[in-house]
């Protein structure tokens, strides 16, 4: 909750700082989405979107208990891309190449780690520190109502390894409302899988000493979850956008079979609020 209060303070500070210069421009541009993404122009203004979400998520991957977690919404876009769909589970990103229908850029994410006190199954394993993930993303609008997105990130900190995401969204706009739903598939490299789903010989000895009868377990790299995400957003046409979202995921392979997994069915639900304002011409 301390992290969420900090994110909330950052959001409010940004709104107050940018509101005076950005509300008029944002209000002019927040019209119903164009039928197709518009190719960007070199002379366009850039817009910054920043916000936060709060969601109920599994306390750790494979958990059957849930915790509230904050999320950061951050993106930088040209004016022509302002109404292009952005999913609530898109990680903070910056497009470096943009044709209108196809985008490639940088992406980042924070993994919040795991607390051994979250479940009796974790007794004796120790905590997992937060990790910072950074990498690249690609988006492709196959049609005006179907978007695909892929992310490939590398994490350092609490775990070290590759994380991947594949997703698609069917987008249904109606005035200021927009509904989207689509499948998700995530990948975990060996470093991530062994950290969150594996049990080393030392961990097994310590856990058993504390009365937690865990066996040694090796978790290999692979696709770790398949599911879907649905979301409904409302654009106030003054820079603000709010939404509700929900998702379901089913753990796969070594993640589902891990002795640390208490429920292979993973749900999420939450709300989001973001603000978009003009930051002028690009200086880079």
C-alpha atoms as a PDB file:
ATOM      1  CA  UNK A   1       0.000   0.000   0.000  1.00  0.00           C
ATOM      2  CA  UNK A   2       2.993   2.338   0.571  1.00  0.00           C
ATOM      3  CA  UNK A   3       3.997   1.753  -3.053  1.00  0.00           C
ATOM      4  CA  UNK A   4       0.450   2.494  -4.203  1.00  0.00           C
ATOM      5  CA  UNK A   5       0.367   5.768  -2.183  1.00  0.00           C
ATOM      6  CA  UNK A   6       3.630   6.823  -3.828  1.00  0.00           C
ATOM      7  CA  UNK A   7       2.223   6.011  -7.286  1.00  0.00           C
ATOM      8  CA  UNK A   8      -0.958   7.908  -6.453  1.00  0.00           C
ATOM      9  CA  UNK A   9       1.053  10.949  -5.322  1.00  0.00           C
ATOM     10  CA  UNK A  10       3.115  10.799  -8.521  1.00  0.00           C
ATOM     11  CA  UNK A  11      -0.051  10.652 -10.637  1.00  0.00           C
ATOM     12  CA  UNK A  12      -1.604  13.653  -8.837  1.00  0.00           C
ATOM     13  CA  UNK A  13       1.591  15.683  -9.135  1.00  0.00           C
ATOM     14  CA  UNK A  14       1.785  14.951 -12.844  1.00  0.00           C
ATOM     15  CA  UNK A  15      -1.845  15.915 -13.394  1.00  0.00           C
ATOM     16  CA  UNK A  16      -1.408  19.228 -11.548  1.00  0.00           C
ATOM     17  CA  UNK A  17       1.812  20.055 -13.393  1.00  0.00           C
ATOM     18  CA  UNK A  18       0.554  19.140 -16.840  1.00  0.00           C
ATOM     19  CA  UNK A  19      -3.105  19.975 -16.526  1.00  0.00           C
ATOM     20  CA  UNK A  20      -2.867  23.701 -17.277  1.00  0.00           C
ATOM     21  CA  UNK A  21      -1.092  23.204 -20.594  1.00  0.00           C
ATOM     22  CA  UNK A  22      -2.518  19.842 -21.597  1.00  0.00           C
ATOM     23  CA  UNK A  23      -6.269  19.799 -20.958  1.00  0.00           C
ATOM     24  CA  UNK A  24      -7.221  21.957 -23.940  1.00  0.00           C
ATOM     25  CA  UNK A  25      -5.101  20.004 -26.395  1.00  0.00           C
ATOM     26  CA  UNK A  26      -6.191  16.629 -25.007  1.00  0.00           C
ATOM     27  CA  UNK A  27      -9.866  17.596 -25.115  1.00  0.00           C
ATOM     28  CA  UNK A  28      -9.581  18.485 -28.793  1.00  0.00           C
ATOM     29  CA  UNK A  29      -8.020  15.137 -29.641  1.00  0.00           C
ATOM     30  CA  UNK A  30     -10.145  12.784 -27.587  1.00  0.00           C
ATOM     31  CA  UNK A  31     -12.729  12.020 -30.216  1.00  0.00           C
ATOM     32  CA  UNK A  32     -14.069   8.580 -31.155  1.00  0.00           C
ATOM     33  CA  UNK A  33     -11.223   6.345 -32.394  1.00  0.00           C
ATOM     34  CA  UNK A  34     -10.477   6.527 -36.123  1.00  0.00           C
ATOM     35  CA  UNK A  35     -11.406   3.438 -38.156  1.00  0.00           C
ATOM     36  CA  UNK A  36      -7.715   2.524 -38.577  1.00  0.00           C
ATOM     37  CA  UNK A  37      -4.452   3.668 -36.932  1.00  0.00           C
ATOM     38  CA  UNK A  38      -3.096   6.788 -38.669  1.00  0.00           C
ATOM     39  CA  UNK A  39       0.527   6.879 -39.873  1.00  0.00           C
ATOM     40  CA  UNK A  40       2.509   9.288 -37.668  1.00  0.00           C
ATOM     41  CA  UNK A  41       3.903  12.590 -38.952  1.00  0.00           C
ATOM     42  CA  UNK A  42       7.299  14.010 -38.038  1.00  0.00           C
ATOM     43  CA  UNK A  43       5.685  17.377 -37.171  1.00  0.00           C
ATOM     44  CA  UNK A  44       3.169  16.053 -34.669  1.00  0.00           C
ATOM     45  CA  UNK A  45       3.052  16.842 -30.971  1.00  0.00           C
ATOM     46  CA  UNK A  46       3.788  14.075 -28.490  1.00  0.00           C
ATOM     47  CA  UNK A  47       1.456  13.075 -25.676  1.00  0.00           C
ATOM     48  CA  UNK A  48       2.321  11.451 -22.356  1.00  0.00           C
ATOM     49  CA  UNK A  49      -0.130   9.072 -20.689  1.00  0.00           C
ATOM     50  CA  UNK A  50       0.479   8.324 -17.033  1.00  0.00           C
ATOM     51  CA  UNK A  51      -1.751   6.673 -14.478  1.00  0.00           C
ATOM     52  CA  UNK A  52      -2.225   3.833 -12.059  1.00  0.00           C
ATOM     53  CA  UNK A  53      -4.269   0.711 -11.556  1.00  0.00           C
ATOM     54  CA  UNK A  54      -5.188  -1.338  -8.510  1.00  0.00           C
ATOM     55  CA  UNK A  55      -5.919  -5.017  -8.935  1.00  0.00           C
ATOM     56  CA  UNK A  56      -6.569  -8.128  -6.889  1.00  0.00           C
ATOM     57  CA  UNK A  57      -3.996 -10.697  -8.027  1.00  0.00           C
ATOM     58  CA  UNK A  58      -2.639 -13.986  -6.702  1.00  0.00           C
ATOM     59  CA  UNK A  59      -0.184 -13.196  -3.891  1.00  0.00           C
ATOM     60  CA  UNK A  60       2.465 -15.037  -5.907  1.00  0.00           C
ATOM     61  CA  UNK A  61       2.412 -17.167  -9.073  1.00  0.00           C
ATOM     62  CA  UNK A  62       0.472 -20.328  -8.230  1.00  0.00           C
ATOM     63  CA  UNK A  63      -1.135 -18.956  -5.047  1.00  0.00           C
ATOM     64  CA  UNK A  64      -4.724 -19.550  -3.984  1.00  0.00           C
ATOM     65  CA  UNK A  65      -4.854 -16.358  -1.893  1.00  0.00           C
ATOM     66  CA  UNK A  66      -5.016 -12.824  -3.293  1.00  0.00           C
ATOM     67  CA  UNK A  67      -3.478  -9.427  -2.574  1.00  0.00           C
ATOM     68  CA  UNK A  68      -4.085  -5.911  -3.843  1.00  0.00           C
ATOM     69  CA  UNK A  69      -1.263  -4.645  -6.036  1.00  0.00           C
ATOM     70  CA  UNK A  70      -0.584  -1.280  -7.710  1.00  0.00           C
ATOM     71  CA  UNK A  71       0.223  -0.972 -11.386  1.00  0.00           C
ATOM     72  CA  UNK A  72       1.813   1.806 -13.436  1.00  0.00           C
ATOM     73  CA  UNK A  73       0.317   3.102 -16.686  1.00  0.00           C
ATOM     74  CA  UNK A  74       2.853   4.887 -18.864  1.00  0.00           C
ATOM     75  CA  UNK A  75       3.148   5.491 -22.598  1.00  0.00           C
ATOM     76  CA  UNK A  76       4.383   8.177 -24.986  1.00  0.00           C
ATOM     77  CA  UNK A  77       2.580   8.595 -28.318  1.00  0.00           C
ATOM     78  CA  UNK A  78       2.227  11.007 -31.195  1.00  0.00           C
ATOM     79  CA  UNK A  79      -1.073  12.832 -31.685  1.00  0.00           C
ATOM     80  CA  UNK A  80      -2.108  10.545 -34.550  1.00  0.00           C
ATOM     81  CA  UNK A  81      -1.782   7.521 -32.237  1.00  0.00           C
ATOM     82  CA  UNK A  82      -3.585   9.056 -29.266  1.00  0.00           C
ATOM     83  CA  UNK A  83      -6.807   7.069 -29.745  1.00  0.00           C
ATOM     84  CA  UNK A  84      -5.082   3.799 -30.587  1.00  0.00           C
ATOM     85  CA  UNK A  85      -6.067   0.986 -28.217  1.00  0.00           C
ATOM     86  CA  UNK A  86      -3.860   0.351 -25.176  1.00  0.00           C
ATOM     87  CA  UNK A  87      -4.581  -2.694 -23.034  1.00  0.00           C
ATOM     88  CA  UNK A  88      -4.498  -2.387 -19.269  1.00  0.00           C
ATOM     89  CA  UNK A  89      -1.958  -5.220 -19.114  1.00  0.00           C
ATOM     90  CA  UNK A  90       0.376  -3.586 -21.620  1.00  0.00           C
ATOM     91  CA  UNK A  91       3.563  -2.902 -19.712  1.00  0.00           C
ATOM     92  CA  UNK A  92       5.000   0.656 -19.782  1.00  0.00           C
ATOM     93  CA  UNK A  93       6.428   1.158 -23.256  1.00  0.00           C
ATOM     94  CA  UNK A  94       7.869   3.655 -25.727  1.00  0.00           C
ATOM     95  CA  UNK A  95       7.504   3.131 -29.489  1.00  0.00           C
ATOM     96  CA  UNK A  96      10.753   3.723 -31.390  1.00  0.00           C
ATOM     97  CA  UNK A  97       9.425   2.720 -34.822  1.00  0.00           C
ATOM     98  CA  UNK A  98       5.823   3.414 -35.802  1.00  0.00           C
ATOM     99  CA  UNK A  99       4.050   3.044 -39.152  1.00  0.00           C
ATOM    100  CA  UNK A 100       0.537   3.420 -37.766  1.00  0.00           C
ATOM    101  CA  UNK A 101      -0.389  -0.261 -38.056  1.00  0.00           C
ATOM    102  CA  UNK A 102       2.918  -1.607 -36.760  1.00  0.00           C
ATOM    103  CA  UNK A 103       4.971  -0.477 -33.776  1.00  0.00           C
ATOM    104  CA  UNK A 104       8.252  -1.616 -32.211  1.00  0.00           C
ATOM    105  CA  UNK A 105       9.818  -0.171 -29.081  1.00  0.00           C
ATOM    106  CA  UNK A 106      11.132  -0.530 -25.561  1.00  0.00           C
ATOM    107  CA  UNK A 107       9.137  -1.997 -22.676  1.00  0.00           C
ATOM    108  CA  UNK A 108       9.678  -2.390 -18.935  1.00  0.00           C
ATOM    109  CA  UNK A 109       8.036  -3.986 -15.945  1.00  0.00           C
ATOM    110  CA  UNK A 110       8.524  -4.446 -12.191  1.00  0.00           C
ATOM    111  CA  UNK A 111       8.127  -7.934 -10.711  1.00  0.00           C
ATOM    112  CA  UNK A 112       7.173  -7.463  -7.066  1.00  0.00           C
ATOM    113  CA  UNK A 113       8.814 -10.659  -5.814  1.00  0.00           C
ATOM    114  CA  UNK A 114       7.467 -13.081  -3.245  1.00  0.00           C
ATOM    115  CA  UNK A 115       7.186 -13.138   0.554  1.00  0.00           C
ATOM    116  CA  UNK A 116       7.678 -16.494   2.271  1.00  0.00           C
ATOM    117  CA  UNK A 117       4.918 -15.512   4.685  1.00  0.00           C
ATOM    118  CA  UNK A 118       2.328 -15.507   1.893  1.00  0.00           C
ATOM    119  CA  UNK A 119       1.644 -19.238   2.280  1.00  0.00           C
ATOM    120  CA  UNK A 120       2.582 -22.228   4.414  1.00  0.00           C
ATOM    121  CA  UNK A 121       3.860 -23.831   1.192  1.00  0.00           C
ATOM    122  CA  UNK A 122       6.676 -21.247   1.165  1.00  0.00           C
ATOM    123  CA  UNK A 123       7.908 -21.853   4.720  1.00  0.00           C
ATOM    124  CA  UNK A 124      11.679 -22.168   4.760  1.00  0.00           C
ATOM    125  CA  UNK A 125      12.201 -20.971   1.189  1.00  0.00           C
ATOM    126  CA  UNK A 126      13.084 -17.345   1.936  1.00  0.00           C
ATOM    127  CA  UNK A 127      11.827 -14.251   0.159  1.00  0.00           C
ATOM    128  CA  UNK A 128      12.231 -13.342  -3.507  1.00  0.00           C
ATOM    129  CA  UNK A 129      13.261  -9.716  -3.997  1.00  0.00           C
ATOM    130  CA  UNK A 130      11.605  -7.489  -6.607  1.00  0.00           C
ATOM    131  CA  UNK A 131      13.076  -7.626 -10.101  1.00  0.00           C
ATOM    132  CA  UNK A 132      13.286  -5.107 -12.917  1.00  0.00           C
ATOM    133  CA  UNK A 133      12.390  -6.395 -16.375  1.00  0.00           C
ATOM    134  CA  UNK A 134      13.358  -4.558 -19.559  1.00  0.00           C
ATOM    135  CA  UNK A 135      13.129  -5.519 -23.213  1.00  0.00           C
ATOM    136  CA  UNK A 136      11.255  -4.912 -26.450  1.00  0.00           C
ATOM    137  CA  UNK A 137       7.684  -5.089 -27.728  1.00  0.00           C
ATOM    138  CA  UNK A 138       5.978  -5.269 -31.116  1.00  0.00           C
ATOM    139  CA  UNK A 139       2.349  -4.484 -32.019  1.00  0.00           C
ATOM    140  CA  UNK A 140       0.494  -5.196 -35.237  1.00  0.00           C
ATOM    141  CA  UNK A 141      -3.020  -4.096 -36.136  1.00  0.00           C
ATOM    142  CA  UNK A 142      -4.167  -6.841 -38.480  1.00  0.00           C
ATOM    143  CA  UNK A 143      -7.430  -4.938 -38.917  1.00  0.00           C
ATOM    144  CA  UNK A 144      -8.874  -1.856 -37.207  1.00  0.00           C
ATOM    145  CA  UNK A 145     -10.568  -4.124 -34.632  1.00  0.00           C
ATOM    146  CA  UNK A 146      -7.855  -6.750 -34.050  1.00  0.00           C
ATOM    147  CA  UNK A 147      -4.521  -5.999 -32.387  1.00  0.00           C
ATOM    148  CA  UNK A 148      -1.702  -8.426 -31.657  1.00  0.00           C
ATOM    149  CA  UNK A 149       1.168  -7.702 -29.266  1.00  0.00           C
ATOM    150  CA  UNK A 150       4.337  -9.485 -28.181  1.00  0.00           C
ATOM    151  CA  UNK A 151       6.781  -8.617 -25.405  1.00  0.00           C
ATOM    152  CA  UNK A 152      10.187 -10.107 -24.648  1.00  0.00           C
ATOM    153  CA  UNK A 153      11.830  -8.925 -21.417  1.00  0.00           C
ATOM    154  CA  UNK A 154      14.870  -9.844 -19.331  1.00  0.00           C
ATOM    155  CA  UNK A 155      14.627  -9.634 -15.559  1.00  0.00           C
ATOM    156  CA  UNK A 156      17.371  -8.826 -13.041  1.00  0.00           C
ATOM    157  CA  UNK A 157      17.076  -8.691  -9.264  1.00  0.00           C
ATOM    158  CA  UNK A 158      14.905 -11.248  -7.505  1.00  0.00           C
ATOM    159  CA  UNK A 159      15.251 -13.520 -10.525  1.00  0.00           C
ATOM    160  CA  UNK A 160      17.421 -13.419 -13.625  1.00  0.00           C
ATOM    161  CA  UNK A 161      15.987 -14.653 -16.877  1.00  0.00           C
ATOM    162  CA  UNK A 162      13.604 -14.186 -19.780  1.00  0.00           C
ATOM    163  CA  UNK A 163       9.900 -13.376 -19.610  1.00  0.00           C
ATOM    164  CA  UNK A 164       7.636 -13.299 -22.642  1.00  0.00           C
ATOM    165  CA  UNK A 165       4.048 -12.369 -23.497  1.00  0.00           C
ATOM    166  CA  UNK A 166       1.892 -13.040 -26.549  1.00  0.00           C
ATOM    167  CA  UNK A 167      -1.568 -11.533 -26.783  1.00  0.00           C
ATOM    168  CA  UNK A 168      -4.377 -10.468 -29.104  1.00  0.00           C
ATOM    169  CA  UNK A 169      -7.387  -8.201 -28.559  1.00  0.00           C
ATOM    170  CA  UNK A 170     -10.707  -7.810 -30.340  1.00  0.00           C
ATOM    171  CA  UNK A 171     -11.585  -4.113 -29.941  1.00  0.00           C
ATOM    172  CA  UNK A 172     -15.184  -2.859 -29.926  1.00  0.00           C
ATOM    173  CA  UNK A 173     -15.562   0.949 -29.585  1.00  0.00           C
ATOM    174  CA  UNK A 174     -18.925   2.630 -28.929  1.00  0.00           C
ATOM    175  CA  UNK A 175     -18.759   6.390 -28.536  1.00  0.00           C
ATOM    176  CA  UNK A 176     -16.647   7.146 -25.478  1.00  0.00           C
ATOM    177  CA  UNK A 177     -16.753   3.495 -24.396  1.00  0.00           C
ATOM    178  CA  UNK A 178     -14.379   0.791 -25.574  1.00  0.00           C
ATOM    179  CA  UNK A 179     -14.576  -2.941 -24.847  1.00  0.00           C
ATOM    180  CA  UNK A 180     -11.756  -5.363 -25.622  1.00  0.00           C
ATOM    181  CA  UNK A 181     -11.180  -9.049 -24.996  1.00  0.00           C
ATOM    182  CA  UNK A 182      -8.558 -11.519 -26.089  1.00  0.00           C
ATOM    183  CA  UNK A 183      -6.211 -14.412 -25.287  1.00  0.00           C
ATOM    184  CA  UNK A 184      -2.867 -14.280 -23.458  1.00  0.00           C
ATOM    185  CA  UNK A 185       0.106 -16.672 -23.360  1.00  0.00           C
ATOM    186  CA  UNK A 186       3.155 -16.103 -21.141  1.00  0.00           C
ATOM    187  CA  UNK A 187       6.628 -17.620 -21.228  1.00  0.00           C
ATOM    188  CA  UNK A 188       9.122 -18.091 -18.410  1.00  0.00           C
ATOM    189  CA  UNK A 189      12.821 -18.688 -18.920  1.00  0.00           C
ATOM    190  CA  UNK A 190      14.760 -21.121 -16.744  1.00  0.00           C
ATOM    191  CA  UNK A 191      15.824 -18.392 -14.308  1.00  0.00           C
ATOM    192  CA  UNK A 192      12.261 -17.266 -13.705  1.00  0.00           C
ATOM    193  CA  UNK A 193      10.787 -20.769 -13.538  1.00  0.00           C
ATOM    194  CA  UNK A 194      13.385 -22.153 -11.135  1.00  0.00           C
ATOM    195  CA  UNK A 195      13.042 -19.108  -8.869  1.00  0.00           C
ATOM    196  CA  UNK A 196       9.246 -19.138  -8.602  1.00  0.00           C
ATOM    197  CA  UNK A 197       8.341 -22.794  -9.101  1.00  0.00           C
ATOM    198  CA  UNK A 198      11.492 -24.788  -8.314  1.00  0.00           C
ATOM    199  CA  UNK A 199      12.800 -26.134  -4.999  1.00  0.00           C
ATOM    200  CA  UNK A 200      16.568 -26.538  -4.618  1.00  0.00           C
ATOM    201  CA  UNK A 201      18.102 -29.281  -2.424  1.00  0.00           C
ATOM    202  CA  UNK A 202      19.072 -26.668   0.187  1.00  0.00           C
ATOM    203  CA  UNK A 203      15.581 -25.189   0.204  1.00  0.00           C
ATOM    204  CA  UNK A 204      14.061 -28.656   0.582  1.00  0.00           C
ATOM    205  CA  UNK A 205      16.271 -29.415   3.613  1.00  0.00           C
ATOM    206  CA  UNK A 206      15.444 -26.083   5.283  1.00  0.00           C
ATOM    207  CA  UNK A 207      11.726 -26.369   4.511  1.00  0.00           C
ATOM    208  CA  UNK A 208      11.551 -29.892   5.942  1.00  0.00           C
ATOM    209  CA  UNK A 209      13.371 -28.711   9.060  1.00  0.00           C
ATOM    210  CA  UNK A 210      10.564 -26.177   9.533  1.00  0.00           C
ATOM    211  CA  UNK A 211       7.903 -28.839   9.084  1.00  0.00           C
ATOM    212  CA  UNK A 212       7.189 -28.077   5.431  1.00  0.00           C
ATOM    213  CA  UNK A 213       7.658 -31.411   3.590  1.00  0.00           C
ATOM    214  CA  UNK A 214       8.762 -30.100   0.191  1.00  0.00           C
ATOM    215  CA  UNK A 215      10.596 -32.330  -2.309  1.00  0.00           C
ATOM    216  CA  UNK A 216      13.368 -31.151  -4.592  1.00  0.00           C
ATOM    217  CA  UNK A 217      11.730 -29.891  -7.779  1.00  0.00           C
ATOM    218  CA  UNK A 218      13.261 -28.684 -11.039  1.00  0.00           C
ATOM    219  CA  UNK A 219      11.179 -26.256 -13.101  1.00  0.00           C
ATOM    220  CA  UNK A 220      12.302 -25.853 -16.700  1.00  0.00           C
ATOM    221  CA  UNK A 221      11.793 -23.000 -19.147  1.00  0.00           C
ATOM    222  CA  UNK A 222       8.553 -22.987 -21.113  1.00  0.00           C
ATOM    223  CA  UNK A 223       5.104 -21.480 -21.511  1.00  0.00           C
ATOM    224  CA  UNK A 224       3.816 -21.114 -17.970  1.00  0.00           C
ATOM    225  CA  UNK A 225       0.276 -19.708 -18.353  1.00  0.00           C
ATOM    226  CA  UNK A 226      -2.511 -19.369 -20.913  1.00  0.00           C
ATOM    227  CA  UNK A 227      -5.629 -17.278 -20.395  1.00  0.00           C
ATOM    228  CA  UNK A 228      -7.652 -14.231 -21.430  1.00  0.00           C
ATOM    229  CA  UNK A 229      -8.144 -10.584 -20.491  1.00  0.00           C
ATOM    230  CA  UNK A 230     -11.309  -8.454 -20.806  1.00  0.00           C
ATOM    231  CA  UNK A 231     -11.600  -4.730 -20.177  1.00  0.00           C
ATOM    232  CA  UNK A 232     -14.041  -1.838 -20.466  1.00  0.00           C
ATOM    233  CA  UNK A 233     -12.832   1.775 -20.591  1.00  0.00           C
ATOM    234  CA  UNK A 234     -14.525   5.157 -20.657  1.00  0.00           C
ATOM    235  CA  UNK A 235     -12.841   8.236 -22.126  1.00  0.00           C
ATOM    236  CA  UNK A 236     -13.969  11.551 -20.594  1.00  0.00           C
ATOM    237  CA  UNK A 237     -12.503  13.506 -23.561  1.00  0.00           C
ATOM    238  CA  UNK A 238     -10.704  15.865 -21.198  1.00  0.00           C
ATOM    239  CA  UNK A 239      -7.515  13.819 -20.855  1.00  0.00           C
ATOM    240  CA  UNK A 240      -8.839  11.330 -18.300  1.00  0.00           C
ATOM    241  CA  UNK A 241      -9.719   7.708 -18.969  1.00  0.00           C
ATOM    242  CA  UNK A 242     -10.953   5.123 -16.487  1.00  0.00           C
ATOM    243  CA  UNK A 243     -11.613   1.422 -16.790  1.00  0.00           C
ATOM    244  CA  UNK A 244     -12.389  -1.910 -15.209  1.00  0.00           C
ATOM    245  CA  UNK A 245     -10.763  -5.189 -16.175  1.00  0.00           C
ATOM    246  CA  UNK A 246     -10.691  -8.866 -15.351  1.00  0.00           C
ATOM    247  CA  UNK A 247      -8.667 -11.852 -16.442  1.00  0.00           C
ATOM    248  CA  UNK A 248      -8.168 -15.570 -16.061  1.00  0.00           C
ATOM    249  CA  UNK A 249      -5.063 -17.676 -16.490  1.00  0.00           C
ATOM    250  CA  UNK A 250      -4.343 -21.385 -16.251  1.00  0.00           C
ATOM    251  CA  UNK A 251      -0.846 -22.456 -15.236  1.00  0.00           C
ATOM    252  CA  UNK A 252       0.875 -24.882 -17.589  1.00  0.00           C
ATOM    253  CA  UNK A 253       3.613 -27.505 -17.475  1.00  0.00           C
ATOM    254  CA  UNK A 254       6.130 -27.321 -14.647  1.00  0.00           C
ATOM    255  CA  UNK A 255       4.368 -24.266 -13.193  1.00  0.00           C
ATOM    256  CA  UNK A 256       1.116 -26.197 -12.727  1.00  0.00           C
ATOM    257  CA  UNK A 257       2.899 -29.296 -11.365  1.00  0.00           C
ATOM    258  CA  UNK A 258       5.114 -27.459  -8.877  1.00  0.00           C
ATOM    259  CA  UNK A 259       4.715 -28.410  -5.190  1.00  0.00           C
ATOM    260  CA  UNK A 260       4.569 -24.654  -4.519  1.00  0.00           C
ATOM    261  CA  UNK A 261       1.420 -24.214  -6.622  1.00  0.00           C
ATOM    262  CA  UNK A 262      -1.766 -24.326  -4.572  1.00  0.00           C
ATOM    263  CA  UNK A 263      -4.122 -23.336  -7.400  1.00  0.00           C
ATOM    264  CA  UNK A 264      -3.415 -23.552 -11.132  1.00  0.00           C
ATOM    265  CA  UNK A 265      -6.383 -21.246 -11.814  1.00  0.00           C
ATOM    266  CA  UNK A 266      -5.256 -17.623 -11.540  1.00  0.00           C
ATOM    267  CA  UNK A 267      -7.696 -14.713 -11.605  1.00  0.00           C
ATOM    268  CA  UNK A 268      -7.263 -10.941 -11.660  1.00  0.00           C
ATOM    269  CA  UNK A 269      -9.666  -7.988 -11.416  1.00  0.00           C
ATOM    270  CA  UNK A 270      -9.122  -4.280 -10.999  1.00  0.00           C
ATOM    271  CA  UNK A 271      -9.716  -0.651 -11.910  1.00  0.00           C
ATOM    272  CA  UNK A 272      -7.538   1.919 -13.657  1.00  0.00           C
ATOM    273  CA  UNK A 273      -7.278   5.676 -14.110  1.00  0.00           C
ATOM    274  CA  UNK A 274      -4.968   7.530 -16.488  1.00  0.00           C
ATOM    275  CA  UNK A 275      -4.386  11.075 -17.712  1.00  0.00           C
ATOM    276  CA  UNK A 276      -2.985  12.153 -21.079  1.00  0.00           C
ATOM    277  CA  UNK A 277      -1.462  15.552 -21.833  1.00  0.00           C
ATOM    278  CA  UNK A 278       0.589  17.342 -24.487  1.00  0.00           C
ATOM    279  CA  UNK A 279       4.354  17.452 -23.974  1.00  0.00           C
ATOM    280  CA  UNK A 280       5.088  19.309 -27.227  1.00  0.00           C
ATOM    281  CA  UNK A 281       7.410  18.490 -30.079  1.00  0.00           C
ATOM    282  CA  UNK A 282      10.014  15.784 -29.719  1.00  0.00           C
ATOM    283  CA  UNK A 283      13.455  16.957 -28.608  1.00  0.00           C
ATOM    284  CA  UNK A 284      15.136  13.642 -29.451  1.00  0.00           C
END
